[in-house]
Amino acid sequence: MIIEGIGATTHEDRHNCRLTKEALENFASQINNGKYVPSVGIEHDSTLMPIGKTINAKIVELDDGEFAVMVQQETFEKFERLSISQLGNVYITSSEYDNRPFADTEPFEYEKNRIELDPVNFEYKDFKDVCTELEQKKDVECKVMMRKSLIPDPEIVLNLVAGSFLVLCGKKTLEKTAERLSDNISEDISNTYNKIKELLVLASSRIIPKNRPITYILKENRGYILELIIRTNDTNILFHALSTEVISSVDENIDQFKSIFDEPTYKIQFIFNEEISKWEFNYLSTSKGKVIGSEKCYKKTIELSKHYLEKMRKNSQE
């Protein structure tokens, strides 16, 4: 199903921010001509499968002289269930009109770790102070992300430099000889683990609202985007999930998940199950924009999408 609506305007938003017409034009051009296109999600919940894709855009002038980018979004309606021995039941969907990969699968390469924070989750002065301390004391780039929700649940995105995940897992990195690995791997693991731990503790120290769980998203470019998500308000659970003995199970399972499908994997996501203290496959997407989700991910996505899609339909008809 195709739904049309306003994606963004040059009006001042509820966070006192304005987009320029040029920014809207660039956004529309990326949708129409780019290699990667935005997915349609639900309330910025990164743990859900995409429920659609933005496939077309144009700039229009509004009655008050401001400008808007009108977008066409396709919502996925056909999900195929497939039973796979390694995964159980999975659910597959894709666009009927557009086979480009999703924007969140575009590769990135950073020389240092990059952390993304939403200013809405901080008092104004606290946000500036936290970013300054991260950059000056922790040697990390601090970037702003804007999710355009009034008071979104706290979220921290940490983009890791290449090789960090393998070190956490205790695996040999490209620069090490077998001898150096044998002597120093424990120290390398400890240093990487402690650095990530310090970054996340500092980033979350003054985050608001205080009573909500924080979603921690760790990403690394490994030729595809590996995404690890932990949602908790207990830092002990966070640190346990990132420990070598727990996180190494992800590395052990990735290859078998990737080999199941006949298209290159562009993104694969795992989510930490606090109840059983284990990383679980959540969903992946491919080079042609196909989405494959676990049964748990699919059921959660479908349940939460019912109200959201009905709201989108009503808005598009007004």
C-alpha atoms as a PDB file:
ATOM      1  CA  MET A   1       0.000   0.000   0.000  1.00  0.00           C
ATOM      2  CA  ILE A   2       1.233   3.480  -0.897  1.00  0.00           C
ATOM      3  CA  ILE A   3       0.652   6.307   1.587  1.00  0.00           C
ATOM      4  CA  GLU A   4       1.400   9.945   0.798  1.00  0.00           C
ATOM      5  CA  GLY A   5       2.091  12.593   3.382  1.00  0.00           C
ATOM      6  CA  ILE A   6       4.376  15.380   4.553  1.00  0.00           C
ATOM      7  CA  GLY A   7       7.820  14.150   5.543  1.00  0.00           C
ATOM      8  CA  ALA A   8       9.208  17.473   6.785  1.00  0.00           C
ATOM      9  CA  THR A   9       8.644  21.220   6.392  1.00  0.00           C
ATOM     10  CA  THR A  10      10.501  24.490   6.805  1.00  0.00           C
ATOM     11  CA  HIS A  11       8.266  25.366   9.771  1.00  0.00           C
ATOM     12  CA  GLU A  12       9.811  25.638  13.215  1.00  0.00           C
ATOM     13  CA  ASP A  13       9.231  22.336  15.002  1.00  0.00           C
ATOM     14  CA  ARG A  14       8.428  21.707  18.666  1.00  0.00           C
ATOM     15  CA  HIS A  15      12.143  21.552  19.424  1.00  0.00           C
ATOM     16  CA  ASN A  16      12.608  25.093  18.007  1.00  0.00           C
ATOM     17  CA  CYS A  17      14.484  23.791  14.954  1.00  0.00           C
ATOM     18  CA  ARG A  18      13.960  24.732  11.323  1.00  0.00           C
ATOM     19  CA  LEU A  19      14.978  22.977   8.131  1.00  0.00           C
ATOM     20  CA  THR A  20      15.921  25.071   5.114  1.00  0.00           C
ATOM     21  CA  LYS A  21      14.362  24.580   1.703  1.00  0.00           C
ATOM     22  CA  GLU A  22      17.783  23.439   0.492  1.00  0.00           C
ATOM     23  CA  ALA A  23      17.858  20.757   3.184  1.00  0.00           C
ATOM     24  CA  LEU A  24      14.440  19.532   2.062  1.00  0.00           C
ATOM     25  CA  GLU A  25      15.590  19.474  -1.563  1.00  0.00           C
ATOM     26  CA  ASN A  26      18.643  17.440  -0.610  1.00  0.00           C
ATOM     27  CA  PHE A  27      16.454  15.032   1.365  1.00  0.00           C
ATOM     28  CA  ALA A  28      14.084  14.600  -1.605  1.00  0.00           C
ATOM     29  CA  SER A  29      16.987  14.052  -3.995  1.00  0.00           C
ATOM     30  CA  GLN A  30      18.445  11.336  -1.780  1.00  0.00           C
ATOM     31  CA  ILE A  31      15.096   9.538  -1.729  1.00  0.00           C
ATOM     32  CA  ASN A  32      14.577   9.805  -5.487  1.00  0.00           C
ATOM     33  CA  ASN A  33      18.128   9.219  -6.706  1.00  0.00           C
ATOM     34  CA  GLY A  34      20.189   7.784  -3.848  1.00  0.00           C
ATOM     35  CA  LYS A  35      21.569   4.281  -3.545  1.00  0.00           C
ATOM     36  CA  TYR A  36      19.990   3.934  -0.090  1.00  0.00           C
ATOM     37  CA  VAL A  37      16.494   4.939   1.014  1.00  0.00           C
ATOM     38  CA  PRO A  38      14.851   5.482   4.420  1.00  0.00           C
ATOM     39  CA  SER A  39      12.821   2.727   5.989  1.00  0.00           C
ATOM     40  CA  VAL A  40       9.414   3.264   7.564  1.00  0.00           C
ATOM     41  CA  GLY A  41       9.573   2.493  11.270  1.00  0.00           C
ATOM     42  CA  ILE A  42       7.351   2.836  14.320  1.00  0.00           C
ATOM     43  CA  GLU A  43       8.001   5.581  16.878  1.00  0.00           C
ATOM     44  CA  HIS A  44      11.785   5.366  16.465  1.00  0.00           C
ATOM     45  CA  ASP A  45      11.838   1.838  17.927  1.00  0.00           C
ATOM     46  CA  SER A  46      15.072   0.357  16.575  1.00  0.00           C
ATOM     47  CA  THR A  47      14.182  -3.161  17.713  1.00  0.00           C
ATOM     48  CA  LEU A  48      11.335  -3.486  15.195  1.00  0.00           C
ATOM     49  CA  MET A  49      11.573  -4.652  11.597  1.00  0.00           C
ATOM     50  CA  PRO A  50      11.010  -1.945   8.991  1.00  0.00           C
ATOM     51  CA  ILE A  51       7.329  -1.933   8.042  1.00  0.00           C
ATOM     52  CA  GLY A  52       7.855  -0.093   4.786  1.00  0.00           C
ATOM     53  CA  LYS A  53      10.085   2.049   2.622  1.00  0.00           C
ATOM     54  CA  THR A  54      10.087   5.679   1.462  1.00  0.00           C
ATOM     55  CA  ILE A  55      10.222   5.441  -2.322  1.00  0.00           C
ATOM     56  CA  ASN A  56       9.520   8.904  -3.747  1.00  0.00           C
ATOM     57  CA  ALA A  57       9.556  12.578  -2.730  1.00  0.00           C
ATOM     58  CA  LYS A  58       8.844  16.056  -4.081  1.00  0.00           C
ATOM     59  CA  ILE A  59       8.995  19.641  -2.795  1.00  0.00           C
ATOM     60  CA  VAL A  60       5.754  21.635  -2.587  1.00  0.00           C
ATOM     61  CA  GLU A  61       4.982  25.189  -1.478  1.00  0.00           C
ATOM     62  CA  LEU A  62       2.453  25.474   1.326  1.00  0.00           C
ATOM     63  CA  ASP A  63      -0.343  28.047   1.586  1.00  0.00           C
ATOM     64  CA  ASP A  64       1.618  30.098   4.132  1.00  0.00           C
ATOM     65  CA  GLY A  65       4.681  30.357   1.885  1.00  0.00           C
ATOM     66  CA  GLU A  66       6.673  27.686   3.698  1.00  0.00           C
ATOM     67  CA  PHE A  67       7.838  24.516   1.944  1.00  0.00           C
ATOM     68  CA  ALA A  68       7.326  20.815   2.558  1.00  0.00           C
ATOM     69  CA  VAL A  69       8.705  17.584   1.213  1.00  0.00           C
ATOM     70  CA  MET A  70       5.854  15.272   0.262  1.00  0.00           C
ATOM     71  CA  VAL A  71       6.821  11.626   0.432  1.00  0.00           C
ATOM     72  CA  GLN A  72       5.388   8.399  -0.862  1.00  0.00           C
ATOM     73  CA  GLN A  73       5.808   5.528   1.561  1.00  0.00           C
ATOM     74  CA  GLU A  74       5.121   1.932   0.729  1.00  0.00           C
ATOM     75  CA  THR A  75       3.971  -0.209   3.632  1.00  0.00           C
ATOM     76  CA  PHE A  76       4.786  -3.899   3.479  1.00  0.00           C
ATOM     77  CA  GLU A  77       1.697  -6.097   3.412  1.00  0.00           C
ATOM     78  CA  LYS A  78       3.026  -9.496   2.371  1.00  0.00           C
ATOM     79  CA  PHE A  79       5.075 -11.501   4.869  1.00  0.00           C
ATOM     80  CA  GLU A  80       6.242 -14.984   3.971  1.00  0.00           C
ATOM     81  CA  ARG A  81       6.886 -17.432   6.783  1.00  0.00           C
ATOM     82  CA  LEU A  82       9.877 -19.697   6.374  1.00  0.00           C
ATOM     83  CA  SER A  83      11.020 -22.428   8.755  1.00  0.00           C
ATOM     84  CA  ILE A  84      14.804 -22.679   9.125  1.00  0.00           C
ATOM     85  CA  SER A  85      16.507 -25.227  11.347  1.00  0.00           C
ATOM     86  CA  GLN A  86      18.987 -22.754  12.842  1.00  0.00           C
ATOM     87  CA  LEU A  87      16.407 -20.021  13.482  1.00  0.00           C
ATOM     88  CA  GLY A  88      12.987 -21.618  13.668  1.00  0.00           C
ATOM     89  CA  ASN A  89      10.278 -19.568  11.964  1.00  0.00           C
ATOM     90  CA  VAL A  90      11.364 -16.343  10.269  1.00  0.00           C
ATOM     91  CA  TYR A  91       9.289 -13.843   8.324  1.00  0.00           C
ATOM     92  CA  ILE A  92      10.415 -12.269   5.063  1.00  0.00           C
ATOM     93  CA  THR A  93       9.105  -9.165   3.344  1.00  0.00           C
ATOM     94  CA  SER A  94      10.248  -6.649   0.749  1.00  0.00           C
ATOM     95  CA  SER A  95       9.079  -3.800  -1.465  1.00  0.00           C
ATOM     96  CA  GLU A  96       7.013  -4.443  -4.558  1.00  0.00           C
ATOM     97  CA  TYR A  97       8.365  -1.296  -6.228  1.00  0.00           C
ATOM     98  CA  ASP A  98      11.902  -0.549  -5.044  1.00  0.00           C
ATOM     99  CA  ASN A  99      14.827  -2.930  -4.432  1.00  0.00           C
ATOM    100  CA  ARG A 100      17.312  -0.402  -3.021  1.00  0.00           C
ATOM    101  CA  PRO A 101      18.832  -1.160   0.402  1.00  0.00           C
ATOM    102  CA  PHE A 102      17.808   0.779   3.491  1.00  0.00           C
ATOM    103  CA  ALA A 103      19.601   3.954   4.561  1.00  0.00           C
ATOM    104  CA  ASP A 104      20.696   2.455   7.882  1.00  0.00           C
ATOM    105  CA  THR A 105      22.789  -0.123   6.001  1.00  0.00           C
ATOM    106  CA  GLU A 106      25.069   2.447   4.366  1.00  0.00           C
ATOM    107  CA  PRO A 107      28.682   1.651   5.350  1.00  0.00           C
ATOM    108  CA  PHE A 108      30.594   4.032   7.609  1.00  0.00           C
ATOM    109  CA  GLU A 109      34.272   4.307   8.485  1.00  0.00           C
ATOM    110  CA  TYR A 110      35.405   6.304  11.497  1.00  0.00           C
ATOM    111  CA  GLU A 111      38.920   6.833  12.808  1.00  0.00           C
ATOM    112  CA  LYS A 112      37.591   7.085  16.350  1.00  0.00           C
ATOM    113  CA  ASN A 113      34.444   5.947  18.123  1.00  0.00           C
ATOM    114  CA  ARG A 114      31.413   8.148  17.461  1.00  0.00           C
ATOM    115  CA  ILE A 115      28.551   8.551  19.922  1.00  0.00           C
ATOM    116  CA  GLU A 116      25.136   9.956  18.969  1.00  0.00           C
ATOM    117  CA  LEU A 117      22.849  11.596  21.536  1.00  0.00           C
ATOM    118  CA  ASP A 118      19.456  13.292  21.339  1.00  0.00           C
ATOM    119  CA  PRO A 119      19.503  16.735  23.044  1.00  0.00           C
ATOM    120  CA  VAL A 120      15.874  16.239  24.100  1.00  0.00           C
ATOM    121  CA  ASN A 121      17.102  13.580  26.549  1.00  0.00           C
ATOM    122  CA  PHE A 122      19.201  16.153  28.429  1.00  0.00           C
ATOM    123  CA  GLU A 123      18.884  19.481  30.115  1.00  0.00           C
ATOM    124  CA  TYR A 124      20.419  22.077  27.781  1.00  0.00           C
ATOM    125  CA  LYS A 125      23.582  22.688  29.819  1.00  0.00           C
ATOM    126  CA  ASP A 126      23.998  18.991  30.636  1.00  0.00           C
ATOM    127  CA  PHE A 127      23.995  18.068  26.948  1.00  0.00           C
ATOM    128  CA  LYS A 128      26.779  20.530  26.148  1.00  0.00           C
ATOM    129  CA  ASP A 129      28.797  19.432  29.176  1.00  0.00           C
ATOM    130  CA  VAL A 130      28.459  15.723  28.427  1.00  0.00           C
ATOM    131  CA  CYS A 131      29.480  16.193  24.780  1.00  0.00           C
ATOM    132  CA  THR A 132      32.476  18.311  25.768  1.00  0.00           C
ATOM    133  CA  GLU A 133      33.644  15.763  28.310  1.00  0.00           C
ATOM    134  CA  LEU A 134      33.224  12.874  25.879  1.00  0.00           C
ATOM    135  CA  GLU A 135      35.277  14.608  23.210  1.00  0.00           C
ATOM    136  CA  GLN A 136      37.999  16.032  25.455  1.00  0.00           C
ATOM    137  CA  LYS A 137      38.462  13.236  27.993  1.00  0.00           C
ATOM    138  CA  LYS A 138      37.338  10.108  26.127  1.00  0.00           C
ATOM    139  CA  ASP A 139      38.605  10.876  22.605  1.00  0.00           C
ATOM    140  CA  VAL A 140      35.242  10.222  20.993  1.00  0.00           C
ATOM    141  CA  GLU A 141      33.239  12.201  18.449  1.00  0.00           C
ATOM    142  CA  CYS A 142      29.899  13.369  19.828  1.00  0.00           C
ATOM    143  CA  LYS A 143      27.104  13.940  17.309  1.00  0.00           C
ATOM    144  CA  VAL A 144      23.515  15.134  17.590  1.00  0.00           C
ATOM    145  CA  MET A 145      20.632  12.926  16.550  1.00  0.00           C
ATOM    146  CA  MET A 146      17.109  14.340  16.353  1.00  0.00           C
ATOM    147  CA  ARG A 147      14.237  11.882  16.583  1.00  0.00           C
ATOM    148  CA  LYS A 148      11.484  14.534  16.471  1.00  0.00           C
ATOM    149  CA  SER A 149       9.471  13.018  19.309  1.00  0.00           C
ATOM    150  CA  LEU A 150       8.334  15.238  22.173  1.00  0.00           C
ATOM    151  CA  ILE A 151      10.073  13.293  24.944  1.00  0.00           C
ATOM    152  CA  PRO A 152      11.529  10.155  23.349  1.00  0.00           C
ATOM    153  CA  ASP A 153      12.785   7.335  25.507  1.00  0.00           C
ATOM    154  CA  PRO A 154      16.520   7.677  26.183  1.00  0.00           C
ATOM    155  CA  GLU A 155      18.732   6.251  23.470  1.00  0.00           C
ATOM    156  CA  ILE A 156      22.501   6.164  22.979  1.00  0.00           C
ATOM    157  CA  VAL A 157      24.090   5.117  19.678  1.00  0.00           C
ATOM    158  CA  LEU A 158      27.771   4.155  19.700  1.00  0.00           C
ATOM    159  CA  ASN A 159      29.453   3.642  16.318  1.00  0.00           C
ATOM    160  CA  LEU A 160      32.570   1.579  16.939  1.00  0.00           C
ATOM    161  CA  VAL A 161      35.813   1.725  15.001  1.00  0.00           C
ATOM    162  CA  ALA A 162      36.448  -1.359  12.882  1.00  0.00           C
ATOM    163  CA  GLY A 163      37.757  -4.333  14.838  1.00  0.00           C
ATOM    164  CA  SER A 164      36.290  -3.412  18.224  1.00  0.00           C
ATOM    165  CA  PHE A 165      33.753  -6.239  18.150  1.00  0.00           C
ATOM    166  CA  LEU A 166      36.380  -8.872  17.357  1.00  0.00           C
ATOM    167  CA  VAL A 167      38.529  -7.671  20.240  1.00  0.00           C
ATOM    168  CA  LEU A 168      35.566  -7.872  22.627  1.00  0.00           C
ATOM    169  CA  CYS A 169      34.976 -11.423  21.416  1.00  0.00           C
ATOM    170  CA  GLY A 170      38.635 -12.304  21.969  1.00  0.00           C
ATOM    171  CA  LYS A 171      39.381 -12.827  18.287  1.00  0.00           C
ATOM    172  CA  LYS A 172      42.585 -12.016  16.417  1.00  0.00           C
ATOM    173  CA  THR A 173      42.572  -8.645  14.666  1.00  0.00           C
ATOM    174  CA  LEU A 174      44.321  -7.950  11.367  1.00  0.00           C
ATOM    175  CA  GLU A 175      47.332  -6.164  12.857  1.00  0.00           C
ATOM    176  CA  LYS A 176      48.300  -8.821  15.416  1.00  0.00           C
ATOM    177  CA  THR A 177      50.764 -11.623  15.024  1.00  0.00           C
ATOM    178  CA  ALA A 178      50.013 -14.939  16.670  1.00  0.00           C
ATOM    179  CA  GLU A 179      52.707 -14.244  19.286  1.00  0.00           C
ATOM    180  CA  ARG A 180      51.401 -10.819  20.215  1.00  0.00           C
ATOM    181  CA  LEU A 181      47.877 -12.196  20.359  1.00  0.00           C
ATOM    182  CA  SER A 182      48.972 -14.823  22.831  1.00  0.00           C
ATOM    183  CA  ASP A 183      50.698 -12.278  25.081  1.00  0.00           C
ATOM    184  CA  ASN A 184      48.346  -9.323  24.936  1.00  0.00           C
ATOM    185  CA  ILE A 185      44.829 -10.420  24.001  1.00  0.00           C
ATOM    186  CA  SER A 186      43.562 -10.257  27.592  1.00  0.00           C
ATOM    187  CA  GLU A 187      44.860  -6.709  27.927  1.00  0.00           C
ATOM    188  CA  ASP A 188      43.347  -5.714  24.562  1.00  0.00           C
ATOM    189  CA  ILE A 189      39.951  -7.102  25.540  1.00  0.00           C
ATOM    190  CA  SER A 190      40.046  -5.364  28.904  1.00  0.00           C
ATOM    191  CA  ASN A 191      41.079  -2.017  27.395  1.00  0.00           C
ATOM    192  CA  THR A 192      38.370  -2.107  24.707  1.00  0.00           C
ATOM    193  CA  TYR A 193      35.708  -3.239  27.164  1.00  0.00           C
ATOM    194  CA  ASN A 194      36.617  -0.564  29.713  1.00  0.00           C
ATOM    195  CA  LYS A 195      36.693   2.176  27.087  1.00  0.00           C
ATOM    196  CA  ILE A 196      33.209   1.287  25.829  1.00  0.00           C
ATOM    197  CA  LYS A 197      31.988   0.990  29.406  1.00  0.00           C
ATOM    198  CA  GLU A 198      33.314   4.462  30.316  1.00  0.00           C
ATOM    199  CA  LEU A 199      31.774   6.051  27.219  1.00  0.00           C
ATOM    200  CA  LEU A 200      28.337   4.618  27.909  1.00  0.00           C
ATOM    201  CA  VAL A 201      28.423   5.459  31.612  1.00  0.00           C
ATOM    202  CA  LEU A 202      29.359   9.068  30.923  1.00  0.00           C
ATOM    203  CA  ALA A 203      26.828   9.458  28.110  1.00  0.00           C
ATOM    204  CA  SER A 204      24.005   8.129  30.285  1.00  0.00           C
ATOM    205  CA  SER A 205      24.959   9.908  33.520  1.00  0.00           C
ATOM    206  CA  ARG A 206      22.652  12.915  33.054  1.00  0.00           C
ATOM    207  CA  ILE A 207      20.104  11.522  30.645  1.00  0.00           C
ATOM    208  CA  ILE A 208      16.361  12.143  31.070  1.00  0.00           C
ATOM    209  CA  PRO A 209      13.709  10.950  31.744  1.00  0.00           C
ATOM    210  CA  LYS A 210      15.408   9.155  34.634  1.00  0.00           C
ATOM    211  CA  ASN A 211      12.702   6.548  35.150  1.00  0.00           C
ATOM    212  CA  ARG A 212      12.867   5.028  31.666  1.00  0.00           C
ATOM    213  CA  PRO A 213      15.093   2.215  30.414  1.00  0.00           C
ATOM    214  CA  ILE A 214      17.890   3.362  28.123  1.00  0.00           C
ATOM    215  CA  THR A 215      18.299   1.821  24.685  1.00  0.00           C
ATOM    216  CA  TYR A 216      21.990   1.262  23.932  1.00  0.00           C
ATOM    217  CA  ILE A 217      22.764   0.669  20.253  1.00  0.00           C
ATOM    218  CA  LEU A 218      26.277  -0.434  19.288  1.00  0.00           C
ATOM    219  CA  LYS A 219      27.168  -0.493  15.600  1.00  0.00           C
ATOM    220  CA  GLU A 220      30.207  -1.587  13.640  1.00  0.00           C
ATOM    221  CA  ASN A 221      30.948  -1.774   9.919  1.00  0.00           C
ATOM    222  CA  ARG A 222      32.162  -5.313   9.175  1.00  0.00           C
ATOM    223  CA  GLY A 223      31.446  -5.228   5.447  1.00  0.00           C
ATOM    224  CA  TYR A 224      27.856  -5.142   6.630  1.00  0.00           C
ATOM    225  CA  ILE A 225      26.407  -3.235   9.599  1.00  0.00           C
ATOM    226  CA  LEU A 226      26.419  -5.261  12.803  1.00  0.00           C
ATOM    227  CA  GLU A 227      23.967  -3.793  15.303  1.00  0.00           C
ATOM    228  CA  LEU A 228      23.724  -4.825  18.953  1.00  0.00           C
ATOM    229  CA  ILE A 229      20.860  -3.499  21.089  1.00  0.00           C
ATOM    230  CA  ILE A 230      20.486  -3.583  24.858  1.00  0.00           C
ATOM    231  CA  ARG A 231      17.486  -1.941  26.544  1.00  0.00           C
ATOM    232  CA  THR A 232      17.874  -1.674  30.304  1.00  0.00           C
ATOM    233  CA  ASN A 233      18.024   0.708  33.242  1.00  0.00           C
ATOM    234  CA  ASP A 234      20.595  -1.475  34.999  1.00  0.00           C
ATOM    235  CA  THR A 235      24.198  -0.830  33.954  1.00  0.00           C
ATOM    236  CA  ASN A 236      25.261  -4.179  35.434  1.00  0.00           C
ATOM    237  CA  ILE A 237      23.130  -5.916  32.799  1.00  0.00           C
ATOM    238  CA  LEU A 238      24.672  -3.721  30.105  1.00  0.00           C
ATOM    239  CA  PHE A 239      28.221  -4.606  31.155  1.00  0.00           C
ATOM    240  CA  HIS A 240      27.384  -8.296  31.455  1.00  0.00           C
ATOM    241  CA  ALA A 241      25.929  -8.326  27.926  1.00  0.00           C
ATOM    242  CA  LEU A 242      29.160  -6.834  26.551  1.00  0.00           C
ATOM    243  CA  SER A 243      31.478  -9.210  28.398  1.00  0.00           C
ATOM    244  CA  THR A 244      33.567 -11.590  26.283  1.00  0.00           C
ATOM    245  CA  GLU A 245      31.919 -14.769  27.537  1.00  0.00           C
ATOM    246  CA  VAL A 246      28.453 -13.466  26.570  1.00  0.00           C
ATOM    247  CA  ILE A 247      29.053 -11.429  23.431  1.00  0.00           C
ATOM    248  CA  SER A 248      31.240 -14.078  21.761  1.00  0.00           C
ATOM    249  CA  SER A 249      28.071 -16.102  21.033  1.00  0.00           C
ATOM    250  CA  VAL A 250      27.072 -13.414  18.516  1.00  0.00           C
ATOM    251  CA  ASP A 251      30.239 -13.926  16.494  1.00  0.00           C
ATOM    252  CA  GLU A 252      29.740 -17.687  16.566  1.00  0.00           C
ATOM    253  CA  ASN A 253      26.265 -17.378  15.017  1.00  0.00           C
ATOM    254  CA  ILE A 254      26.650 -14.589  12.449  1.00  0.00           C
ATOM    255  CA  ASP A 255      28.047 -16.668   9.600  1.00  0.00           C
ATOM    256  CA  GLN A 256      25.288 -19.251   9.741  1.00  0.00           C
ATOM    257  CA  PHE A 257      22.620 -16.548   9.669  1.00  0.00           C
ATOM    258  CA  LYS A 258      24.247 -14.794   6.705  1.00  0.00           C
ATOM    259  CA  SER A 259      24.675 -18.016   4.707  1.00  0.00           C
ATOM    260  CA  ILE A 260      20.976 -18.895   4.802  1.00  0.00           C
ATOM    261  CA  PHE A 261      19.922 -16.291   2.230  1.00  0.00           C
ATOM    262  CA  ASP A 262      20.940 -15.797  -1.393  1.00  0.00           C
ATOM    263  CA  GLU A 263      21.572 -12.041  -1.177  1.00  0.00           C
ATOM    264  CA  PRO A 264      24.427 -10.241   0.580  1.00  0.00           C
ATOM    265  CA  THR A 265      23.539  -9.188   4.119  1.00  0.00           C
ATOM    266  CA  TYR A 266      23.821  -5.418   4.562  1.00  0.00           C
ATOM    267  CA  LYS A 267      22.708  -5.297   8.189  1.00  0.00           C
ATOM    268  CA  ILE A 268      22.190  -7.838  10.946  1.00  0.00           C
ATOM    269  CA  GLN A 269      20.771  -6.994  14.355  1.00  0.00           C
ATOM    270  CA  PHE A 270      20.948  -8.865  17.646  1.00  0.00           C
ATOM    271  CA  ILE A 271      19.072  -7.906  20.803  1.00  0.00           C
ATOM    272  CA  PHE A 272      20.011  -8.877  24.339  1.00  0.00           C
ATOM    273  CA  ASN A 273      17.382 -10.961  26.135  1.00  0.00           C
ATOM    274  CA  GLU A 274      17.725  -9.974  29.774  1.00  0.00           C
ATOM    275  CA  GLU A 275      15.536 -12.829  31.033  1.00  0.00           C
ATOM    276  CA  ILE A 276      17.819 -15.565  29.725  1.00  0.00           C
ATOM    277  CA  SER A 277      21.016 -13.480  29.635  1.00  0.00           C
ATOM    278  CA  LYS A 278      21.583 -14.206  25.952  1.00  0.00           C
ATOM    279  CA  TRP A 279      21.999 -12.402  22.635  1.00  0.00           C
ATOM    280  CA  GLU A 280      19.250 -13.295  20.139  1.00  0.00           C
ATOM    281  CA  PHE A 281      18.958 -12.739  16.410  1.00  0.00           C
ATOM    282  CA  ASN A 282      16.329 -10.052  15.770  1.00  0.00           C
ATOM    283  CA  TYR A 283      16.337  -9.226  12.067  1.00  0.00           C
ATOM    284  CA  LEU A 284      18.534  -8.603   9.048  1.00  0.00           C
ATOM    285  CA  SER A 285      18.192  -6.751   5.767  1.00  0.00           C
ATOM    286  CA  THR A 286      19.852  -7.436   2.435  1.00  0.00           C
ATOM    287  CA  SER A 287      21.417  -5.659  -0.525  1.00  0.00           C
ATOM    288  CA  LYS A 288      18.019  -5.577  -2.278  1.00  0.00           C
ATOM    289  CA  GLY A 289      16.076  -4.277   0.694  1.00  0.00           C
ATOM    290  CA  LYS A 290      14.639  -7.617   1.761  1.00  0.00           C
ATOM    291  CA  VAL A 291      13.869  -7.884   5.488  1.00  0.00           C
ATOM    292  CA  ILE A 292      14.056 -11.136   7.448  1.00  0.00           C
ATOM    293  CA  GLY A 293      12.881 -11.100  11.058  1.00  0.00           C
ATOM    294  CA  SER A 294      12.723 -13.651  13.836  1.00  0.00           C
ATOM    295  CA  GLU A 295       9.276 -14.810  14.914  1.00  0.00           C
ATOM    296  CA  LYS A 296       9.506 -12.738  18.107  1.00  0.00           C
ATOM    297  CA  CYS A 297      10.530  -9.614  16.187  1.00  0.00           C
ATOM    298  CA  TYR A 298       7.820 -10.131  13.562  1.00  0.00           C
ATOM    299  CA  LYS A 299       5.017 -10.581  16.102  1.00  0.00           C
ATOM    300  CA  LYS A 300       6.067  -7.508  18.082  1.00  0.00           C
ATOM    301  CA  THR A 301       6.349  -5.434  14.898  1.00  0.00           C
ATOM    302  CA  ILE A 302       2.939  -6.458  13.586  1.00  0.00           C
ATOM    303  CA  GLU A 303       1.229  -5.840  16.908  1.00  0.00           C
ATOM    304  CA  LEU A 304       2.667  -2.332  17.287  1.00  0.00           C
ATOM    305  CA  SER A 305       2.173  -1.424  13.630  1.00  0.00           C
ATOM    306  CA  LYS A 306      -1.636  -1.836  13.618  1.00  0.00           C
ATOM    307  CA  HIS A 307      -2.393   1.455  15.376  1.00  0.00           C
ATOM    308  CA  TYR A 308       0.485   3.243  13.661  1.00  0.00           C
ATOM    309  CA  LEU A 309      -0.616   2.285  10.124  1.00  0.00           C
ATOM    310  CA  GLU A 310      -4.212   3.257  10.851  1.00  0.00           C
ATOM    311  CA  LYS A 311      -2.989   6.670  12.015  1.00  0.00           C
ATOM    312  CA  MET A 312      -0.910   7.045   8.822  1.00  0.00           C
ATOM    313  CA  ARG A 313      -3.929   6.177   6.652  1.00  0.00           C
ATOM    314  CA  LYS A 314      -6.091   8.777   8.397  1.00  0.00           C
ATOM    315  CA  ASN A 315      -3.410  11.460   8.110  1.00  0.00           C
ATOM    316  CA  SER A 316      -2.938  10.779   4.384  1.00  0.00           C
ATOM    317  CA  GLN A 317      -6.693  11.188   3.793  1.00  0.00           C
ATOM    318  CA  GLU A 318      -6.994  14.541   5.593  1.00  0.00           C
END
